[in-house]
Amino acid sequence: NYTSSLPRSERVTFTGAVEGARKEELLRTATMLVLPSHSENFGNVLLEAMAVGTPVVVTPGVGLASDIEAARAGIVTSNEPHELAAAITGLLGDVAGRAEMGRRGRALVEARFTWERVAGQMEDQYRKLCRTSSL
């Protein structure tokens, strides 16, 4: 969480690996989740963050970047340090924008990435393969 009156070293916490209820609590209470990457095939942690209403900041190399941008569920920005910093700083100062992005992110997850929806899509693909297969 962001508290501007604290020194920078006290505003950022590096937790190491977390899981279960602790991870969900961290995601739920985070001001935002930032995933800058040159190449990230998907980014499950983004779905986890958006599912609890946490806005996200990503770079174009993240697989979900186009979905996040289309849904306006977060910010897609360059990996360049000054641009990434500007995106984070801008979002820190925009409480209403963060809340709206959080709502949009949750809606994106519910519309496209629930277990039921993804399993149904996989089942559809297997059915198509079976119909076209020469087995």
N, C-alpha and C. Protein backbone atom coordinates (compact mmCIF):
# COMPACT_ATOMS: atom_id res chain seq x y z
N ASN A 1 0.83 -1.19 0.00
CA ASN A 1 0.00 0.00 0.00
C ASN A 1 0.87 1.24 0.00
N TYR A 2 0.34 2.29 -0.56
CA TYR A 2 1.09 3.52 -0.75
C TYR A 2 0.76 4.51 0.36
N THR A 3 1.77 4.94 1.05
CA THR A 3 1.63 6.00 2.05
C THR A 3 2.73 7.00 1.77
N SER A 4 2.37 8.12 1.14
CA SER A 4 3.38 9.06 0.65
C SER A 4 4.23 9.67 1.75
N SER A 5 3.78 9.67 2.99
CA SER A 5 4.55 10.29 4.06
C SER A 5 5.70 9.40 4.53
N LEU A 6 5.70 8.14 4.15
CA LEU A 6 6.78 7.24 4.55
C LEU A 6 7.96 7.37 3.61
N PRO A 7 9.18 7.14 4.11
CA PRO A 7 10.33 7.10 3.21
C PRO A 7 10.14 5.99 2.17
N ARG A 8 10.72 6.17 1.00
CA ARG A 8 10.55 5.21 -0.10
C ARG A 8 10.87 3.79 0.35
N SER A 9 11.91 3.59 1.13
CA SER A 9 12.30 2.24 1.55
C SER A 9 11.23 1.57 2.41
N GLU A 10 10.35 2.35 3.00
CA GLU A 10 9.29 1.79 3.83
C GLU A 10 7.97 1.66 3.08
N ARG A 11 7.91 2.13 1.85
CA ARG A 11 6.68 2.05 1.05
C ARG A 11 6.63 0.81 0.17
N VAL A 12 7.76 0.17 -0.05
CA VAL A 12 7.83 -1.01 -0.91
C VAL A 12 8.33 -2.17 -0.07
N THR A 13 7.64 -3.28 -0.18
CA THR A 13 8.03 -4.47 0.56
C THR A 13 8.28 -5.61 -0.42
N PHE A 14 9.42 -6.25 -0.32
CA PHE A 14 9.73 -7.43 -1.11
C PHE A 14 9.49 -8.63 -0.20
N THR A 15 8.43 -9.37 -0.47
CA THR A 15 8.00 -10.44 0.43
C THR A 15 8.62 -11.79 0.12
N GLY A 16 9.10 -11.99 -1.09
CA GLY A 16 9.48 -13.34 -1.50
C GLY A 16 8.21 -14.10 -1.87
N ALA A 17 8.32 -15.39 -2.01
CA ALA A 17 7.17 -16.21 -2.41
C ALA A 17 6.10 -16.23 -1.32
N VAL A 18 4.85 -16.06 -1.73
CA VAL A 18 3.71 -16.19 -0.83
C VAL A 18 2.65 -17.03 -1.52
N GLU A 19 1.80 -17.66 -0.75
CA GLU A 19 0.75 -18.47 -1.34
C GLU A 19 -0.47 -18.51 -0.43
N GLY A 20 -1.53 -19.10 -0.95
CA GLY A 20 -2.74 -19.30 -0.17
C GLY A 20 -3.39 -18.01 0.28
N ALA A 21 -3.92 -18.03 1.49
CA ALA A 21 -4.66 -16.90 2.03
C ALA A 21 -3.78 -15.65 2.15
N ARG A 22 -2.51 -15.83 2.46
CA ARG A 22 -1.60 -14.68 2.57
C ARG A 22 -1.46 -13.98 1.22
N LYS A 23 -1.34 -14.76 0.15
CA LYS A 23 -1.22 -14.17 -1.18
C LYS A 23 -2.50 -13.43 -1.55
N GLU A 24 -3.64 -14.04 -1.29
CA GLU A 24 -4.90 -13.37 -1.60
C GLU A 24 -5.05 -12.07 -0.83
N GLU A 25 -4.67 -12.08 0.43
CA GLU A 25 -4.75 -10.86 1.24
C GLU A 25 -3.83 -9.78 0.70
N LEU A 26 -2.61 -10.14 0.32
CA LEU A 26 -1.69 -9.17 -0.25
C LEU A 26 -2.25 -8.58 -1.55
N LEU A 27 -2.80 -9.43 -2.40
CA LEU A 27 -3.38 -8.94 -3.65
C LEU A 27 -4.58 -8.05 -3.41
N ARG A 28 -5.40 -8.42 -2.46
CA ARG A 28 -6.62 -7.66 -2.16
C ARG A 28 -6.30 -6.28 -1.57
N THR A 29 -5.24 -6.18 -0.80
CA THR A 29 -4.92 -4.92 -0.12
C THR A 29 -3.89 -4.08 -0.85
N ALA A 30 -3.34 -4.60 -1.94
CA ALA A 30 -2.34 -3.86 -2.70
C ALA A 30 -2.98 -2.66 -3.40
N THR A 31 -2.23 -1.60 -3.51
CA THR A 31 -2.68 -0.43 -4.26
C THR A 31 -2.76 -0.77 -5.74
N MET A 32 -1.79 -1.56 -6.21
CA MET A 32 -1.77 -2.03 -7.59
C MET A 32 -0.78 -3.18 -7.66
N LEU A 33 -0.85 -3.94 -8.75
CA LEU A 33 0.15 -4.97 -9.01
C LEU A 33 0.89 -4.54 -10.27
N VAL A 34 2.22 -4.55 -10.21
CA VAL A 34 3.04 -4.14 -11.33
C VAL A 34 3.83 -5.34 -11.82
N LEU A 35 3.68 -5.65 -13.12
CA LEU A 35 4.40 -6.77 -13.72
C LEU A 35 5.11 -6.30 -14.99
N PRO A 36 6.30 -5.71 -14.83
CA PRO A 36 7.07 -5.32 -16.01
C PRO A 36 7.87 -6.54 -16.49
N SER A 37 7.72 -6.88 -17.75
CA SER A 37 8.41 -8.05 -18.27
C SER A 37 8.68 -7.87 -19.75
N HIS A 38 9.82 -8.36 -20.19
CA HIS A 38 10.12 -8.36 -21.62
C HIS A 38 9.36 -9.48 -22.31
N SER A 39 9.11 -10.58 -21.59
CA SER A 39 8.41 -11.72 -22.16
C SER A 39 7.76 -12.53 -21.06
N GLU A 40 6.45 -12.46 -20.96
CA GLU A 40 5.68 -13.19 -19.95
C GLU A 40 4.54 -13.85 -20.71
N ASN A 41 4.55 -15.19 -20.79
CA ASN A 41 3.60 -15.85 -21.67
C ASN A 41 2.14 -15.57 -21.32
N PHE A 42 1.82 -15.38 -20.08
CA PHE A 42 0.42 -15.13 -19.71
C PHE A 42 0.34 -14.20 -18.52
N GLY A 43 0.76 -14.64 -17.37
CA GLY A 43 0.73 -13.80 -16.16
C GLY A 43 -0.45 -14.13 -15.27
N ASN A 44 -0.51 -15.35 -14.78
CA ASN A 44 -1.63 -15.75 -13.89
C ASN A 44 -1.82 -14.81 -12.72
N VAL A 45 -0.74 -14.25 -12.19
CA VAL A 45 -0.86 -13.36 -11.04
C VAL A 45 -1.72 -12.14 -11.39
N LEU A 46 -1.73 -11.76 -12.65
CA LEU A 46 -2.58 -10.64 -13.07
C LEU A 46 -4.05 -11.00 -12.92
N LEU A 47 -4.41 -12.21 -13.32
CA LEU A 47 -5.80 -12.65 -13.15
C LEU A 47 -6.16 -12.70 -11.68
N GLU A 48 -5.23 -13.18 -10.86
CA GLU A 48 -5.49 -13.25 -9.42
C GLU A 48 -5.70 -11.85 -8.85
N ALA A 49 -4.88 -10.90 -9.27
CA ALA A 49 -5.02 -9.52 -8.77
C ALA A 49 -6.33 -8.91 -9.26
N MET A 50 -6.62 -9.05 -10.54
CA MET A 50 -7.83 -8.45 -11.09
C MET A 50 -9.08 -9.10 -10.49
N ALA A 51 -9.02 -10.39 -10.18
CA ALA A 51 -10.18 -11.08 -9.61
C ALA A 51 -10.59 -10.48 -8.27
N VAL A 52 -9.63 -9.89 -7.55
CA VAL A 52 -9.96 -9.26 -6.26
C VAL A 52 -10.05 -7.74 -6.38
N GLY A 53 -10.07 -7.23 -7.63
CA GLY A 53 -10.29 -5.81 -7.85
C GLY A 53 -9.06 -4.93 -7.76
N THR A 54 -7.88 -5.52 -7.88
CA THR A 54 -6.65 -4.74 -7.83
C THR A 54 -6.23 -4.34 -9.24
N PRO A 55 -6.03 -3.05 -9.49
CA PRO A 55 -5.59 -2.62 -10.82
C PRO A 55 -4.16 -3.08 -11.08
N VAL A 56 -3.81 -3.17 -12.36
CA VAL A 56 -2.50 -3.69 -12.74
C VAL A 56 -1.78 -2.74 -13.68
N VAL A 57 -0.46 -2.80 -13.64
CA VAL A 57 0.41 -2.09 -14.57
C VAL A 57 1.30 -3.16 -15.20
N VAL A 58 1.28 -3.23 -16.53
CA VAL A 58 2.06 -4.24 -17.24
C VAL A 58 2.78 -3.59 -18.42
N THR A 59 3.68 -4.36 -19.01
CA THR A 59 4.39 -3.92 -20.19
C THR A 59 3.92 -4.76 -21.39
N PRO A 60 4.17 -4.31 -22.60
CA PRO A 60 3.64 -5.00 -23.77
C PRO A 60 4.07 -6.45 -23.92
N GLY A 61 5.18 -6.86 -23.31
CA GLY A 61 5.65 -8.24 -23.40
C GLY A 61 4.85 -9.22 -22.57
N VAL A 62 3.90 -8.74 -21.79
CA VAL A 62 3.06 -9.61 -20.96
C VAL A 62 1.89 -10.11 -21.79
N GLY A 63 1.65 -11.42 -21.79
CA GLY A 63 0.62 -12.01 -22.63
C GLY A 63 -0.76 -11.42 -22.48
N LEU A 64 -1.13 -10.98 -21.30
CA LEU A 64 -2.47 -10.41 -21.07
C LEU A 64 -2.55 -8.91 -21.36
N ALA A 65 -1.46 -8.31 -21.82
CA ALA A 65 -1.43 -6.85 -22.01
C ALA A 65 -2.56 -6.36 -22.90
N SER A 66 -2.80 -7.02 -24.02
CA SER A 66 -3.85 -6.54 -24.94
C SER A 66 -5.24 -6.67 -24.32
N ASP A 67 -5.47 -7.72 -23.54
CA ASP A 67 -6.76 -7.88 -22.86
C ASP A 67 -6.95 -6.79 -21.82
N ILE A 68 -5.90 -6.51 -21.05
CA ILE A 68 -5.95 -5.48 -20.02
C ILE A 68 -6.20 -4.11 -20.65
N GLU A 69 -5.50 -3.85 -21.74
CA GLU A 69 -5.66 -2.56 -22.42
C GLU A 69 -7.08 -2.42 -22.99
N ALA A 70 -7.58 -3.48 -23.65
CA ALA A 70 -8.91 -3.42 -24.26
C ALA A 70 -10.00 -3.22 -23.20
N ALA A 71 -9.83 -3.86 -22.04
CA ALA A 71 -10.83 -3.76 -20.97
C ALA A 71 -10.62 -2.52 -20.11
N ARG A 72 -9.52 -1.80 -20.35
CA ARG A 72 -9.14 -0.65 -19.52
C ARG A 72 -9.10 -1.05 -18.03
N ALA A 73 -8.51 -2.23 -17.80
CA ALA A 73 -8.41 -2.79 -16.45
C ALA A 73 -7.09 -2.46 -15.79
N GLY A 74 -6.26 -1.69 -16.46
CA GLY A 74 -4.96 -1.33 -15.94
C GLY A 74 -4.23 -0.48 -16.96
N ILE A 75 -2.94 -0.37 -16.76
CA ILE A 75 -2.11 0.43 -17.65
C ILE A 75 -1.09 -0.47 -18.32
N VAL A 76 -0.97 -0.33 -19.64
CA VAL A 76 0.09 -0.99 -20.39
C VAL A 76 1.08 0.10 -20.77
N THR A 77 2.32 -0.07 -20.33
CA THR A 77 3.33 0.96 -20.56
C THR A 77 4.66 0.32 -20.94
N SER A 78 5.55 1.13 -21.38
CA SER A 78 6.89 0.71 -21.78
C SER A 78 7.69 0.18 -20.59
N ASN A 79 8.69 -0.64 -20.91
CA ASN A 79 9.65 -1.10 -19.90
C ASN A 79 10.68 -0.04 -19.56
N GLU A 80 10.67 1.06 -20.29
CA GLU A 80 11.63 2.13 -20.00
C GLU A 80 11.36 2.64 -18.58
N PRO A 81 12.40 2.71 -17.74
CA PRO A 81 12.20 3.08 -16.33
C PRO A 81 11.39 4.35 -16.11
N HIS A 82 11.66 5.41 -16.85
CA HIS A 82 10.94 6.66 -16.62
C HIS A 82 9.46 6.53 -17.02
N GLU A 83 9.17 5.78 -18.06
CA GLU A 83 7.77 5.60 -18.46
C GLU A 83 7.02 4.69 -17.48
N LEU A 84 7.69 3.63 -17.04
CA LEU A 84 7.09 2.74 -16.04
C LEU A 84 6.83 3.51 -14.74
N ALA A 85 7.82 4.30 -14.32
CA ALA A 85 7.66 5.10 -13.10
C ALA A 85 6.52 6.10 -13.25
N ALA A 86 6.40 6.72 -14.41
CA ALA A 86 5.32 7.69 -14.63
C ALA A 86 3.95 7.02 -14.56
N ALA A 87 3.84 5.81 -15.12
CA ALA A 87 2.56 5.09 -15.07
C ALA A 87 2.20 4.75 -13.62
N ILE A 88 3.17 4.27 -12.86
CA ILE A 88 2.93 3.91 -11.46
C ILE A 88 2.56 5.16 -10.65
N THR A 89 3.33 6.22 -10.82
CA THR A 89 3.08 7.47 -10.09
C THR A 89 1.71 8.03 -10.43
N GLY A 90 1.37 8.01 -11.71
CA GLY A 90 0.06 8.50 -12.13
C GLY A 90 -1.07 7.72 -11.51
N LEU A 91 -0.93 6.41 -11.47
CA LEU A 91 -1.97 5.58 -10.88
C LEU A 91 -2.04 5.75 -9.37
N LEU A 92 -0.89 5.96 -8.73
CA LEU A 92 -0.89 6.20 -7.29
C LEU A 92 -1.72 7.43 -6.94
N GLY A 93 -1.67 8.43 -7.80
CA GLY A 93 -2.39 9.67 -7.53
C GLY A 93 -3.83 9.69 -8.01
N ASP A 94 -4.31 8.59 -8.54
CA ASP A 94 -5.66 8.55 -9.11
C ASP A 94 -6.51 7.49 -8.41
N VAL A 95 -7.02 7.82 -7.23
CA VAL A 95 -7.80 6.88 -6.44
C VAL A 95 -9.03 6.40 -7.21
N ALA A 96 -9.76 7.32 -7.82
CA ALA A 96 -10.97 6.94 -8.57
C ALA A 96 -10.61 6.08 -9.78
N GLY A 97 -9.54 6.42 -10.46
CA GLY A 97 -9.10 5.63 -11.61
C GLY A 97 -8.71 4.22 -11.21
N ARG A 98 -8.01 4.09 -10.08
CA ARG A 98 -7.64 2.75 -9.59
C ARG A 98 -8.88 1.94 -9.28
N ALA A 99 -9.86 2.55 -8.64
CA ALA A 99 -11.09 1.83 -8.30
C ALA A 99 -11.81 1.37 -9.56
N GLU A 100 -11.88 2.24 -10.55
CA GLU A 100 -12.56 1.88 -11.80
C GLU A 100 -11.80 0.78 -12.54
N MET A 101 -10.49 0.88 -12.59
CA MET A 101 -9.70 -0.17 -13.22
C MET A 101 -9.88 -1.49 -12.49
N GLY A 102 -9.94 -1.44 -11.16
CA GLY A 102 -10.18 -2.65 -10.38
C GLY A 102 -11.51 -3.29 -10.72
N ARG A 103 -12.55 -2.47 -10.89
CA ARG A 103 -13.87 -3.00 -11.28
C ARG A 103 -13.82 -3.62 -12.67
N ARG A 104 -13.16 -2.93 -13.59
CA ARG A 104 -13.06 -3.45 -14.95
C ARG A 104 -12.25 -4.74 -15.00
N GLY A 105 -11.19 -4.82 -14.20
CA GLY A 105 -10.38 -6.03 -14.15
C GLY A 105 -11.17 -7.22 -13.64
N ARG A 106 -11.92 -6.98 -12.59
CA ARG A 106 -12.76 -8.06 -12.05
C ARG A 106 -13.78 -8.51 -13.09
N ALA A 107 -14.39 -7.56 -13.80
CA ALA A 107 -15.36 -7.89 -14.85
C ALA A 107 -14.69 -8.69 -15.97
N LEU A 108 -13.46 -8.32 -16.34
CA LEU A 108 -12.73 -9.05 -17.37
C LEU A 108 -12.51 -10.50 -16.95
N VAL A 109 -12.07 -10.70 -15.72
CA VAL A 109 -11.83 -12.06 -15.23
C VAL A 109 -13.13 -12.86 -15.23
N GLU A 110 -14.20 -12.26 -14.75
CA GLU A 110 -15.49 -12.97 -14.69
C GLU A 110 -16.03 -13.28 -16.08
N ALA A 111 -15.78 -12.41 -17.04
CA ALA A 111 -16.30 -12.61 -18.39
C ALA A 111 -15.49 -13.61 -19.21
N ARG A 112 -14.16 -13.67 -18.98
CA ARG A 112 -13.32 -14.45 -19.89
C ARG A 112 -12.45 -15.51 -19.25
N PHE A 113 -12.22 -15.45 -17.94
CA PHE A 113 -11.19 -16.29 -17.38
C PHE A 113 -11.60 -17.12 -16.17
N THR A 114 -12.89 -17.38 -15.99
CA THR A 114 -13.29 -18.27 -14.90
C THR A 114 -12.92 -19.70 -15.29
N TRP A 115 -12.81 -20.58 -14.30
CA TRP A 115 -12.51 -21.99 -14.59
C TRP A 115 -13.54 -22.57 -15.54
N GLU A 116 -14.81 -22.26 -15.32
CA GLU A 116 -15.87 -22.83 -16.16
C GLU A 116 -15.72 -22.38 -17.61
N ARG A 117 -15.47 -21.10 -17.82
CA ARG A 117 -15.34 -20.58 -19.18
C ARG A 117 -14.11 -21.16 -19.88
N VAL A 118 -12.98 -21.18 -19.20
CA VAL A 118 -11.76 -21.70 -19.81
C VAL A 118 -11.89 -23.19 -20.08
N ALA A 119 -12.46 -23.94 -19.15
CA ALA A 119 -12.67 -25.37 -19.38
C ALA A 119 -13.60 -25.60 -20.55
N GLY A 120 -14.65 -24.81 -20.66
CA GLY A 120 -15.57 -24.94 -21.79
C GLY A 120 -14.89 -24.66 -23.12
N GLN A 121 -14.01 -23.66 -23.15
CA GLN A 121 -13.27 -23.35 -24.37
C GLN A 121 -12.34 -24.49 -24.75
N MET A 122 -11.69 -25.07 -23.76
CA MET A 122 -10.81 -26.22 -24.03
C MET A 122 -11.61 -27.39 -24.56
N GLU A 123 -12.76 -27.65 -23.95
CA GLU A 123 -13.61 -28.74 -24.41
C GLU A 123 -14.04 -28.51 -25.86
N ASP A 124 -14.42 -27.28 -26.19
CA ASP A 124 -14.80 -26.95 -27.57
C ASP A 124 -13.65 -27.22 -28.53
N GLN A 125 -12.44 -26.84 -28.14
CA GLN A 125 -11.28 -27.08 -29.00
C GLN A 125 -11.03 -28.57 -29.22
N TYR A 126 -11.15 -29.36 -28.14
CA TYR A 126 -10.97 -30.81 -28.27
C TYR A 126 -12.04 -31.41 -29.19
N ARG A 127 -13.26 -30.94 -29.08
CA ARG A 127 -14.33 -31.43 -29.96
C ARG A 127 -14.02 -31.11 -31.42
N LYS A 128 -13.56 -29.90 -31.69
CA LYS A 128 -13.19 -29.52 -33.05
C LYS A 128 -12.07 -30.40 -33.58
N LEU A 129 -11.07 -30.65 -32.73
CA LEU A 129 -9.95 -31.51 -33.14
C LEU A 129 -10.43 -32.91 -33.44
N CYS A 130 -11.32 -33.41 -32.62
CA CYS A 130 -11.83 -34.77 -32.83
C CYS A 130 -12.61 -34.88 -34.13
N ARG A 131 -13.37 -33.82 -34.48
CA ARG A 131 -14.15 -33.84 -35.73
C ARG A 131 -13.25 -33.79 -36.96
N THR A 132 -12.11 -33.10 -36.85
CA THR A 132 -11.25 -32.94 -38.00
C THR A 132 -10.12 -33.96 -38.05
N SER A 133 -9.99 -34.74 -37.00
CA SER A 133 -8.90 -35.71 -36.93
C SER A 133 -9.20 -36.92 -37.81
N SER A 134 -8.15 -37.50 -38.34
CA SER A 134 -8.30 -38.71 -39.17
C SER A 134 -8.17 -39.98 -38.36
N LEU A 135 -8.20 -39.84 -37.03
CA LEU A 135 -8.07 -41.02 -36.15
C LEU A 135 -9.24 -41.94 -36.28
